[in-house]
Amino acid sequence: MAENYPLVDQREYRRPEKTVGWLNRRSVRGEDELPLIAAHQVRVFRVGDDYVEDPGNLRPDDPLVTGASSVTVVDRRVEVPVVVETRIPSAEAGDFTVRTTFYCTVTDACAVVRDGVTDIEALLLGHLREVPGLTADGGDLPIVDADAVRERIDARLTAYHEMRPAPLSGLRARHGLVEVLTPAELAEDIAKLQEERRQRERDRVRQEWEQEAALKRSLLETELELKREELRSTSALHRERNRQEEELEKEYGRQKHETLLSRFRRESGAEDQRHELSQRAERNRFTRDELKEDVRLIGADPILADFNAWRQGDISADQLSQRLHADEERRSGLADSRRRHELEDDLKRRAFDRDEVRWQVEREDRRKELDREARRDETAARQREESRRWDLAHEDRVRARHEAREDAHQLHRDRHELNQQGLAAWTQLSKQAFDRGLFDGQLTDPGAHINRVQDISYDQDRPAPDRGAGREVPGTAPRSIPHGEPDGFDDDADLDLGGTDSEANLGH
């Protein structure tokens, strides 16, 4: 089924509200108001009563874009298959389902948008039902003759489409494949489509579930890590606070002990003064000693100074409490600042550790990639070397076969020439023997002798067998010559037709 063909997307525009420029202000549309198009798609803008086709060159501030009331994305693919189905009655109770495929191509995008060709399947179905005699092609045939019905409908549609093409505005529809389905085949096809749809839905649900489970698992791991980090920070904070409280209690005990000791000394001094009121000098010396001791004990500690001032009555208890609280807040602020700096240092150190781990992983990946490239280069070099060796070996085998063939041909030619020479010598000797009458008393059948010469020529024409047992030795007479010789003729005897022995034989 052709979904969103040929109109892929349609948008209606309002008056552009965004303007640009200082001196020459002009309207402009947002980037998101222009629909994205693929390589095989075009945009068609409606400007008033005109329709303008744009392959993607117009900008958002173009006057055509800002003045357009709508935009439509048109699919310009060639030969897009569109399947149309209809039913025709049969001779039996069931109906034939005719499934026709039309191959459509947009020829005029502006005409398609202007005439609103949105449901191309409905237009093609109407065109298919207008074919005269289509519903009667299967009325005289049973369900089992679906092939005959398909041939009839195919021929009818082909002829009708050649005479009257499909009247689609801005589109060219070419008649293609025709299928005629029986009710059982249609039910099976529908069941298969439904099963595929259910399988796609199950796959989509499973993927969504897996993604959701992975997201939940990641969130739980993140929360667990945050809780662990918070627990570690809280534990460290509690330990630091306990340590400070212990130190503060120790300091407070020491100061209290010194205060009690100072009070005891003062009471003891007062008692001495009561006993030695007459000795003013001793009292003054004791007072100076007390002052020196206070300066030594208090020093630059503001808390001790406040306690001393409170003890001497210079400040009230409320002022002492306020100063103690202010000092404690100052100490807490210093402790918080120190913990904050420590936490920032810890975060920076962890960031450095993560960068180090990432760098190590990238270096390991790069090393593995270089190793794989080296192995591929080595494998390619080894394959090239093996191919070169195989080509050399193949060339050697071809050269060896060619040389062996040339040697065999040369040997055959040598044997042929040798047999020709032997035949010529045998013919010459036989002719001389006939001329001199050597076979007058011995040759009883001259025709057999002539046939023996023909056998010799026949053996010469045949290629010599390449076997050691039947191989002829150069310089010897053919093996077919002695066969069938007349009685008293010997191959080993010398035939001298020019000597005295020959004349003696002629005298016989």
Protein backbone atom coordinates (compact mmCIF):
# COMPACT_ATOMS: atom_id res chain seq x y z
CA MET A 1 0.00 0.00 0.00
CA ALA A 2 1.30 3.51 -0.88
CA GLU A 3 1.21 5.60 2.27
CA ASN A 4 1.54 9.42 1.96
CA TYR A 5 1.98 9.27 -1.80
CA PRO A 6 2.31 11.52 -3.69
CA LEU A 7 1.70 14.20 -0.99
CA VAL A 8 4.15 13.53 1.84
CA ASP A 9 3.44 16.54 4.08
CA GLN A 10 1.14 19.59 4.03
CA ARG A 11 1.34 22.72 6.19
CA GLU A 12 -0.78 25.85 6.34
CA TYR A 13 0.95 29.18 7.02
CA ARG A 14 -0.16 32.24 8.92
CA ARG A 15 1.19 35.72 8.49
CA PRO A 16 4.88 35.70 9.51
CA GLU A 17 5.37 37.50 12.83
CA LYS A 18 9.17 37.52 12.92
CA THR A 19 11.03 40.44 11.28
CA VAL A 20 14.74 41.08 10.74
CA GLY A 21 16.86 44.06 9.76
CA TRP A 22 17.34 47.55 11.17
CA LEU A 23 16.80 49.92 8.28
CA ASN A 24 15.02 47.65 5.82
CA ARG A 25 12.81 45.48 8.02
CA ARG A 26 11.38 42.43 6.31
CA SER A 27 9.35 39.41 7.36
CA VAL A 28 10.94 36.00 7.74
CA ARG A 29 9.69 32.55 8.71
CA GLY A 30 11.36 30.24 11.19
CA GLU A 31 13.58 27.39 10.09
CA ASP A 32 11.15 24.87 11.59
CA GLU A 33 8.32 26.19 9.38
CA LEU A 34 10.07 24.89 6.24
CA PRO A 35 9.61 21.10 6.04
CA LEU A 36 12.72 19.06 5.36
CA ILE A 37 12.75 17.22 2.02
CA ALA A 38 14.66 14.20 0.72
CA ALA A 39 16.60 14.02 -2.53
CA HIS A 40 13.54 12.74 -4.45
CA GLN A 41 11.08 15.28 -3.00
CA VAL A 42 10.14 18.89 -3.81
CA ARG A 43 8.23 21.64 -2.01
CA VAL A 44 5.24 23.37 -3.64
CA PHE A 45 4.27 26.80 -2.22
CA ARG A 46 0.85 28.31 -2.82
CA VAL A 47 1.17 32.08 -3.32
CA GLY A 48 -2.28 33.47 -3.95
CA ASP A 49 -3.70 31.48 -6.87
CA ASP A 50 -0.25 30.42 -8.12
CA TYR A 51 1.69 27.30 -7.22
CA VAL A 52 5.51 27.47 -7.19
CA GLU A 53 7.70 24.36 -7.16
CA ASP A 54 10.88 24.55 -5.05
CA PRO A 55 13.57 21.80 -5.02
CA GLY A 56 14.94 23.22 -1.74
CA ASN A 57 16.61 26.47 -2.87
CA LEU A 58 14.28 29.05 -1.28
CA ARG A 59 15.29 30.56 2.08
CA PRO A 60 12.98 31.45 4.99
CA ASP A 61 13.22 35.17 4.16
CA ASP A 62 12.38 34.73 0.47
CA PRO A 63 9.28 36.75 -0.58
CA LEU A 64 7.68 33.60 -2.04
CA VAL A 65 8.07 31.79 1.30
CA THR A 66 6.86 34.69 3.45
CA GLY A 67 3.90 35.35 1.11
CA ALA A 68 2.86 31.69 0.79
CA SER A 69 -0.34 30.47 2.47
CA SER A 70 0.64 26.78 2.49
CA VAL A 71 3.44 24.40 1.55
CA THR A 72 3.22 20.79 0.36
CA VAL A 73 5.98 18.18 0.02
CA VAL A 74 5.54 16.08 -3.15
CA ASP A 75 7.23 12.74 -3.81
CA ARG A 76 8.93 12.77 -7.26
CA ARG A 77 10.07 9.15 -7.33
CA VAL A 78 9.77 7.26 -10.61
CA GLU A 79 7.62 4.14 -11.01
CA VAL A 80 6.22 4.02 -7.48
CA PRO A 81 4.16 0.81 -7.11
CA VAL A 82 0.56 1.34 -5.98
CA VAL A 83 -1.53 -1.80 -5.36
CA VAL A 84 -5.29 -1.70 -5.94
CA GLU A 85 -7.67 -4.53 -5.07
CA THR A 86 -11.24 -5.19 -6.18
CA ARG A 87 -13.57 -8.16 -6.35
CA ILE A 88 -15.37 -9.75 -9.28
CA PRO A 89 -17.96 -12.51 -9.12
CA SER A 90 -17.24 -16.10 -10.15
CA ALA A 91 -19.42 -18.98 -11.31
CA GLU A 92 -19.45 -20.33 -7.75
CA ALA A 93 -20.37 -18.85 -4.38
CA GLY A 94 -16.99 -17.14 -3.78
CA ASP A 95 -15.52 -14.06 -5.52
CA PHE A 96 -12.22 -13.51 -7.23
CA THR A 97 -9.97 -10.80 -5.73
CA VAL A 98 -8.17 -8.85 -8.48
CA ARG A 99 -4.94 -7.23 -7.25
CA THR A 100 -3.49 -4.81 -9.79
CA THR A 101 -0.18 -2.95 -9.45
CA PHE A 102 0.13 0.49 -11.09
CA TYR A 103 3.55 2.17 -11.42
CA CYS A 104 3.05 5.89 -10.88
CA THR A 105 5.32 8.87 -11.59
CA VAL A 106 4.67 12.53 -10.76
CA THR A 107 5.00 14.60 -13.92
CA ASP A 108 3.62 17.94 -12.63
CA ALA A 109 3.94 18.54 -8.87
CA CYS A 110 2.00 21.81 -9.01
CA ALA A 111 -0.96 20.10 -10.71
CA VAL A 112 -0.94 17.34 -8.10
CA VAL A 113 -1.13 19.92 -5.27
CA ARG A 114 -3.64 22.15 -7.05
CA ASP A 115 -6.05 19.27 -7.74
CA GLY A 116 -5.52 17.69 -4.29
CA VAL A 117 -4.44 14.18 -5.36
CA THR A 118 -4.26 12.78 -1.83
CA ASP A 119 -5.82 9.30 -2.19
CA ILE A 120 -4.27 7.84 -5.32
CA GLU A 121 -5.51 4.35 -4.50
CA ALA A 122 -9.13 5.50 -4.59
CA LEU A 123 -8.58 7.20 -7.97
CA LEU A 124 -6.95 4.10 -9.45
CA LEU A 125 -9.68 1.89 -7.99
CA GLY A 126 -12.34 4.06 -9.64
CA HIS A 127 -10.43 3.87 -12.92
CA LEU A 128 -10.21 0.08 -12.55
CA ARG A 129 -13.93 -0.29 -11.92
CA GLU A 130 -14.70 1.82 -15.01
CA VAL A 131 -13.10 -0.80 -17.27
CA PRO A 132 -16.02 -2.22 -19.31
CA GLY A 133 -16.60 -5.96 -18.95
CA LEU A 134 -14.16 -6.41 -16.06
CA THR A 135 -16.74 -7.80 -13.66
CA ALA A 136 -17.94 -10.32 -16.26
CA ASP A 137 -14.53 -11.91 -16.93
CA GLY A 138 -14.88 -14.41 -14.10
CA GLY A 139 -18.64 -14.98 -14.05
CA ASP A 140 -18.44 -18.13 -16.20
CA LEU A 141 -15.42 -19.75 -14.49
CA PRO A 142 -15.12 -21.54 -11.15
CA ILE A 143 -12.75 -20.55 -8.35
CA VAL A 144 -10.10 -23.05 -9.45
CA ASP A 145 -9.64 -21.29 -12.84
CA ALA A 146 -7.96 -18.22 -11.33
CA ASP A 147 -5.14 -18.33 -13.93
CA ALA A 148 -7.59 -18.11 -16.85
CA VAL A 149 -9.35 -15.17 -15.19
CA ARG A 150 -5.98 -13.44 -14.65
CA GLU A 151 -5.08 -13.81 -18.36
CA ARG A 152 -8.46 -12.35 -19.39
CA ILE A 153 -8.19 -9.40 -17.00
CA ASP A 154 -4.56 -8.73 -17.92
CA ALA A 155 -5.40 -8.60 -21.62
CA ARG A 156 -8.45 -6.41 -20.99
CA LEU A 157 -6.59 -3.95 -18.75
CA THR A 158 -3.65 -3.74 -21.15
CA ALA A 159 -5.91 -2.94 -24.08
CA TYR A 160 -8.05 -0.51 -22.11
CA HIS A 161 -5.05 1.28 -20.60
CA GLU A 162 -3.48 1.77 -24.02
CA MET A 163 -6.69 3.34 -25.31
CA ARG A 164 -7.60 5.29 -22.14
CA PRO A 165 -4.78 5.86 -19.63
CA ALA A 166 -5.66 6.58 -16.02
CA PRO A 167 -6.91 10.21 -15.77
CA LEU A 168 -4.68 11.35 -12.87
CA SER A 169 -3.85 15.03 -12.67
CA GLY A 170 -0.07 15.55 -12.77
CA LEU A 171 0.60 11.80 -12.61
CA ARG A 172 1.47 9.10 -15.12
CA ALA A 173 0.19 5.62 -14.16
CA ARG A 174 1.48 2.56 -16.00
CA HIS A 175 -0.41 -0.72 -15.82
CA GLY A 176 1.75 -3.51 -14.36
CA LEU A 177 1.28 -6.83 -12.62
CA VAL A 178 -2.17 -8.42 -12.29
CA GLU A 179 -2.92 -11.07 -9.66
CA VAL A 180 -6.17 -12.97 -9.21
CA LEU A 181 -6.55 -14.45 -5.75
CA THR A 182 -9.05 -17.02 -4.63
CA PRO A 183 -10.79 -16.53 -1.26
CA ALA A 184 -8.42 -19.03 0.34
CA GLU A 185 -5.33 -17.26 -1.04
CA LEU A 186 -6.74 -13.88 0.02
CA ALA A 187 -7.41 -15.16 3.54
CA GLU A 188 -3.92 -16.61 3.70
CA ASP A 189 -2.40 -13.34 2.46
CA ILE A 190 -4.41 -11.31 4.99
CA ALA A 191 -3.42 -13.69 7.80
CA LYS A 192 0.23 -13.35 6.79
CA LEU A 193 0.00 -9.54 6.78
CA GLN A 194 -1.69 -9.55 10.17
CA GLU A 195 0.98 -11.89 11.57
CA GLU A 196 3.73 -9.62 10.22
CA ARG A 197 1.96 -6.59 11.75
CA ARG A 198 1.63 -8.36 15.10
CA GLN A 199 5.29 -9.41 14.96
CA ARG A 200 6.36 -5.81 14.27
CA GLU A 201 4.19 -4.64 17.16
CA ARG A 202 5.72 -7.26 19.47
CA ASP A 203 9.21 -6.26 18.39
CA ARG A 204 8.40 -2.59 19.01
CA VAL A 205 6.95 -3.32 22.46
CA ARG A 206 9.93 -5.49 23.34
CA GLN A 207 12.37 -2.78 22.27
CA GLU A 208 10.48 -0.15 24.25
CA TRP A 209 10.43 -2.43 27.29
CA GLU A 210 14.15 -3.12 26.99
CA GLN A 211 14.91 0.59 26.63
CA GLU A 212 12.72 1.43 29.63
CA ALA A 213 14.33 -1.33 31.70
CA ALA A 214 17.80 -0.10 30.76
CA LEU A 215 16.83 3.48 31.66
CA LYS A 216 15.40 2.39 35.02
CA ARG A 217 18.48 0.32 35.74
CA SER A 218 20.72 3.29 34.90
CA LEU A 219 18.66 5.60 37.13
CA LEU A 220 18.77 3.13 40.02
CA GLU A 221 22.53 2.73 39.67
CA THR A 222 22.94 6.52 39.60
CA GLU A 223 20.76 6.97 42.69
CA LEU A 224 22.63 4.20 44.50
CA GLU A 225 25.96 5.84 43.70
CA LEU A 226 24.66 9.22 44.87
CA LYS A 227 23.41 7.70 48.10
CA ARG A 228 26.73 6.00 48.66
CA GLU A 229 28.55 9.26 48.04
CA GLU A 230 26.18 11.08 50.39
CA LEU A 231 26.68 8.40 53.05
CA ARG A 232 30.47 8.70 52.75
CA SER A 233 30.26 12.51 52.97
CA THR A 234 27.95 12.29 55.99
CA SER A 235 30.23 9.80 57.73
CA ALA A 236 33.25 12.01 57.13
CA LEU A 237 31.31 15.05 58.35
CA HIS A 238 30.22 13.22 61.52
CA ARG A 239 33.76 12.08 62.24
CA GLU A 240 35.09 15.61 61.79
CA ARG A 241 32.34 17.05 63.99
CA ASN A 242 32.98 14.47 66.74
CA ARG A 243 36.68 15.26 66.64
CA GLN A 244 36.01 18.98 66.92
CA GLU A 245 33.58 18.41 69.77
CA GLU A 246 36.14 16.27 71.62
CA GLU A 247 38.79 18.94 71.16
CA LEU A 248 36.35 21.60 72.29
CA GLU A 249 35.42 19.59 75.40
CA LYS A 250 39.09 19.09 76.23
CA GLU A 251 39.73 22.81 75.80
CA TYR A 252 36.70 23.67 77.89
CA GLY A 253 37.84 21.28 80.67
CA ARG A 254 41.31 22.78 80.60
CA GLN A 255 39.96 26.31 80.78
CA LYS A 256 37.60 25.32 83.57
CA HIS A 257 40.46 23.71 85.44
CA GLU A 258 42.56 26.84 85.02
CA THR A 259 39.64 28.99 86.10
CA LEU A 260 39.16 26.92 89.26
CA LEU A 261 42.86 26.99 89.89
CA SER A 262 42.92 30.75 89.41
CA ARG A 263 39.97 31.13 91.76
CA PHE A 264 41.68 29.00 94.35
CA ARG A 265 44.80 31.10 94.04
CA ARG A 266 42.83 34.28 94.28
CA GLU A 267 41.03 33.09 97.41
CA SER A 268 44.28 31.95 98.78
CA GLY A 269 45.79 35.35 98.01
CA ALA A 270 42.83 37.12 99.56
CA GLU A 271 43.33 35.08 102.66
CA ASP A 272 46.97 36.04 102.67
CA GLN A 273 46.00 39.65 102.13
CA ARG A 274 43.62 39.48 105.06
CA HIS A 275 46.48 38.20 107.16
CA GLU A 276 48.98 40.68 105.67
CA LEU A 277 46.94 43.86 105.26
CA SER A 278 49.80 45.74 106.66
CA GLN A 279 52.18 44.67 103.96
CA ARG A 280 51.11 46.81 101.03
CA ALA A 281 54.19 46.10 99.04
CA GLU A 282 53.54 42.40 99.16
CA ARG A 283 50.00 42.93 97.99
CA ASN A 284 51.11 45.10 95.08
CA ARG A 285 53.67 42.50 94.09
CA PHE A 286 51.02 39.81 94.26
CA THR A 287 48.71 41.94 92.09
CA ARG A 288 51.43 42.38 89.48
CA ASP A 289 52.08 38.66 89.52
CA GLU A 290 48.38 37.99 88.96
CA LEU A 291 48.33 40.40 86.04
CA LYS A 292 51.33 38.77 84.46
CA GLU A 293 49.78 35.33 84.93
CA ASP A 294 46.55 36.47 83.28
CA VAL A 295 48.42 37.89 80.31
CA ARG A 296 50.40 34.66 79.99
CA LEU A 297 47.32 32.44 80.21
CA ILE A 298 45.03 34.49 77.99
CA GLY A 299 47.54 35.56 75.33
CA ALA A 300 45.84 36.13 71.92
CA ASP A 301 42.88 33.81 72.63
CA PRO A 302 39.68 35.88 72.28
CA ILE A 303 37.60 33.30 74.18
CA LEU A 304 39.87 33.49 77.21
CA ALA A 305 39.85 37.27 76.95
CA ASP A 306 36.05 37.25 76.96
CA PHE A 307 35.98 34.89 79.93
CA ASN A 308 38.43 37.13 81.72
CA ALA A 309 36.40 40.24 80.91
CA TRP A 310 33.23 38.49 82.08
CA ARG A 311 35.01 37.36 85.24
CA GLN A 312 36.17 40.85 85.94
CA GLY A 313 32.68 42.22 85.26
CA ASP A 314 33.59 44.23 82.16
CA ILE A 315 30.96 42.37 80.06
CA SER A 316 27.74 40.67 80.95
CA ALA A 317 26.88 36.99 80.58
CA ASP A 318 24.71 37.73 77.50
CA GLN A 319 27.58 39.47 75.75
CA LEU A 320 29.86 36.56 76.62
CA SER A 321 27.31 34.11 75.19
CA GLN A 322 26.97 36.16 71.98
CA ARG A 323 30.74 36.29 71.55
CA LEU A 324 31.02 32.55 72.16
CA HIS A 325 28.28 31.89 69.57
CA ALA A 326 29.98 34.21 67.07
CA ASP A 327 33.26 32.41 67.59
CA GLU A 328 31.56 29.03 67.14
CA GLU A 329 29.90 30.22 63.91
CA ARG A 330 33.27 31.48 62.68
CA ARG A 331 34.81 28.09 63.45
CA SER A 332 31.89 26.31 61.74
CA GLY A 333 32.29 28.56 58.69
CA LEU A 334 35.99 27.75 58.54
CA ALA A 335 35.21 24.04 58.87
CA ASP A 336 32.54 24.24 56.12
CA SER A 337 34.92 26.15 53.86
CA ARG A 338 37.61 23.55 54.49
CA ARG A 339 35.18 20.69 53.74
CA ARG A 340 33.98 22.47 50.60
CA HIS A 341 37.54 22.88 49.38
CA GLU A 342 38.22 19.23 50.15
CA LEU A 343 35.08 18.19 48.20
CA GLU A 344 36.10 20.37 45.23
CA ASP A 345 39.56 18.85 45.31
CA ASP A 346 38.01 15.37 45.43
CA LEU A 347 35.77 16.16 42.42
CA LYS A 348 38.72 17.54 40.45
CA ARG A 349 40.78 14.47 41.30
CA ARG A 350 37.95 12.18 40.14
CA ALA A 351 37.61 14.19 36.91
CA PHE A 352 41.32 13.78 36.33
CA ASP A 353 40.99 10.03 37.02
CA ARG A 354 38.10 9.74 34.54
CA ASP A 355 40.09 11.62 31.90
CA GLU A 356 43.03 9.31 32.54
CA VAL A 357 40.84 6.21 32.18
CA ARG A 358 39.25 7.61 29.01
CA TRP A 359 42.64 8.39 27.56
CA GLN A 360 43.85 4.87 28.34
CA VAL A 361 40.74 3.33 26.73
CA GLU A 362 41.18 5.48 23.60
CA ARG A 363 44.84 4.55 23.43
CA GLU A 364 43.96 0.85 23.76
CA ASP A 365 41.29 1.18 21.03
CA ARG A 366 43.78 2.92 18.76
CA ARG A 367 46.37 0.21 19.40
CA LYS A 368 43.83 -2.51 18.60
CA GLU A 369 42.81 -0.68 15.42
CA LEU A 370 46.46 -0.42 14.34
CA ASP A 371 46.94 -4.14 15.08
CA ARG A 372 43.89 -5.01 12.99
CA GLU A 373 45.15 -2.85 10.12
CA ALA A 374 48.57 -4.49 10.34
CA ARG A 375 46.98 -7.95 10.29
CA ARG A 376 44.81 -7.00 7.32
CA ASP A 377 47.86 -5.65 5.45
CA GLU A 378 49.80 -8.80 6.26
CA THR A 379 46.91 -11.01 5.12
CA ALA A 380 46.54 -8.99 1.89
CA ALA A 381 50.30 -9.24 1.23
CA ARG A 382 50.25 -12.99 1.88
CA GLN A 383 47.27 -13.41 -0.46
CA ARG A 384 49.00 -11.37 -3.17
CA GLU A 385 52.15 -13.49 -2.77
CA GLU A 386 50.13 -16.72 -2.96
CA SER A 387 48.30 -15.42 -6.03
CA ARG A 388 51.62 -14.48 -7.67
CA ARG A 389 53.09 -17.93 -6.91
CA TRP A 390 50.00 -19.65 -8.26
CA ASP A 391 50.18 -17.55 -11.47
CA LEU A 392 53.87 -18.46 -11.88
CA ALA A 393 53.14 -22.15 -11.29
CA HIS A 394 50.21 -21.99 -13.71
CA GLU A 395 52.40 -20.33 -16.36
CA ASP A 396 55.07 -23.03 -15.82
CA ARG A 397 52.47 -25.81 -16.22
CA VAL A 398 51.05 -24.17 -19.36
CA ARG A 399 54.58 -23.72 -20.79
CA ALA A 400 55.45 -27.34 -19.96
CA ARG A 401 52.29 -28.65 -21.67
CA HIS A 402 52.99 -26.46 -24.69
CA GLU A 403 56.59 -27.69 -24.93
CA ALA A 404 55.46 -31.32 -24.54
CA ARG A 405 52.87 -30.80 -27.27
CA GLU A 406 55.50 -29.21 -29.56
CA ASP A 407 57.89 -32.10 -28.86
CA ALA A 408 55.16 -34.64 -29.68
CA HIS A 409 54.31 -32.81 -32.92
CA GLN A 410 57.99 -32.64 -33.86
CA LEU A 411 58.44 -36.37 -33.13
CA HIS A 412 55.37 -37.16 -35.22
CA ARG A 413 56.75 -35.09 -38.12
CA ASP A 414 60.14 -36.80 -37.84
CA ARG A 415 58.51 -40.23 -37.90
CA HIS A 416 56.35 -39.23 -40.81
CA GLU A 417 59.37 -38.03 -42.79
CA LEU A 418 61.28 -41.21 -41.88
CA ASN A 419 58.35 -43.37 -43.01
CA GLN A 420 58.13 -41.37 -46.24
CA GLN A 421 61.81 -41.93 -46.86
CA GLY A 422 61.45 -45.67 -46.11
CA LEU A 423 58.42 -45.88 -48.43
CA ALA A 424 60.30 -44.09 -51.18
CA ALA A 425 63.30 -46.43 -50.73
CA TRP A 426 61.03 -49.52 -50.67
CA THR A 427 59.19 -48.32 -53.76
CA GLN A 428 62.45 -47.64 -55.57
CA LEU A 429 63.88 -51.04 -54.63
CA SER A 430 60.67 -52.81 -55.62
CA LYS A 431 60.64 -50.97 -58.94
CA GLN A 432 64.25 -51.91 -59.65
CA ALA A 433 63.54 -55.51 -58.64
CA PHE A 434 60.56 -55.67 -61.01
CA ASP A 435 62.59 -54.05 -63.76
CA ARG A 436 65.33 -56.60 -63.37
CA GLY A 437 62.99 -59.57 -63.03
CA LEU A 438 64.06 -60.64 -59.57
CA PHE A 439 60.51 -61.63 -58.64
CA ASP A 440 59.66 -63.49 -61.83
CA GLY A 441 59.81 -66.89 -60.25
CA GLN A 442 58.99 -65.87 -56.68
CA LEU A 443 56.23 -63.25 -56.90
CA THR A 444 52.99 -65.13 -57.44
CA ASP A 445 50.59 -62.27 -56.61
CA PRO A 446 51.69 -58.80 -57.80
CA GLY A 447 48.41 -57.26 -56.58
CA ALA A 448 49.17 -58.34 -53.00
CA HIS A 449 52.57 -56.69 -53.27
CA ILE A 450 50.93 -53.46 -54.45
CA ASN A 451 48.44 -53.66 -51.61
CA ARG A 452 51.36 -54.10 -49.21
CA VAL A 453 52.77 -50.80 -50.47
CA GLN A 454 49.36 -49.19 -49.83
CA ASP A 455 49.42 -50.62 -46.28
CA ILE A 456 52.78 -48.98 -45.79
CA SER A 457 51.36 -45.58 -46.85
CA TYR A 458 48.34 -46.09 -44.58
CA ASP A 459 50.59 -46.82 -41.60
CA GLN A 460 52.59 -43.70 -42.36
CA ASP A 461 49.52 -41.50 -42.17
CA ARG A 462 48.55 -42.77 -38.72
CA PRO A 463 50.30 -41.08 -35.73
CA ALA A 464 52.82 -43.38 -34.10
CA PRO A 465 51.67 -44.64 -30.67
CA ASP A 466 53.59 -43.18 -27.79
CA ARG A 467 54.48 -46.51 -26.19
CA GLY A 468 57.87 -48.09 -25.83
CA ALA A 469 56.82 -51.52 -27.13
CA GLY A 470 55.39 -50.21 -30.42
CA ARG A 471 57.87 -47.35 -30.93
CA GLU A 472 59.74 -47.50 -34.23
CA VAL A 473 63.46 -47.01 -34.33
CA PRO A 474 64.71 -44.47 -36.87
CA GLY A 475 66.65 -46.08 -39.73
CA THR A 476 64.70 -49.40 -39.80
CA ALA A 477 62.13 -50.58 -42.30
CA PRO A 478 58.40 -50.27 -41.46
CA ARG A 479 57.03 -53.19 -39.47
CA SER A 480 54.18 -53.71 -41.93
CA ILE A 481 56.49 -54.41 -44.87
CA PRO A 482 57.72 -57.90 -43.86
CA HIS A 483 54.15 -59.03 -43.15
CA GLY A 484 52.87 -61.07 -46.05
CA GLU A 485 56.22 -61.21 -47.98
CA PRO A 486 56.72 -63.94 -50.57
CA ASP A 487 58.52 -67.09 -49.58
CA GLY A 488 62.26 -66.87 -49.84
CA PHE A 489 62.51 -63.03 -49.26
CA ASP A 490 64.58 -62.05 -46.24
CA ASP A 491 64.72 -58.51 -44.71
CA ASP A 492 68.19 -59.12 -43.39
CA ALA A 493 69.64 -60.08 -46.80
CA ASP A 494 71.41 -57.33 -48.74
CA LEU A 495 69.68 -56.46 -52.00
CA ASP A 496 72.40 -55.33 -54.38
CA LEU A 497 70.90 -54.68 -57.76
CA GLY A 498 74.06 -53.35 -59.32
CA GLY A 499 76.62 -56.18 -58.61
CA THR A 500 77.55 -59.53 -60.12
CA ASP A 501 75.36 -61.45 -57.77
CA SER A 502 72.37 -59.63 -59.23
CA GLU A 503 73.39 -60.58 -62.72
CA ALA A 504 73.79 -64.16 -61.63
CA ASN A 505 70.29 -64.16 -60.31
CA LEU A 506 69.07 -62.69 -63.53
CA GLY A 507 70.83 -65.52 -65.34
CA HIS A 508 68.80 -68.05 -63.45
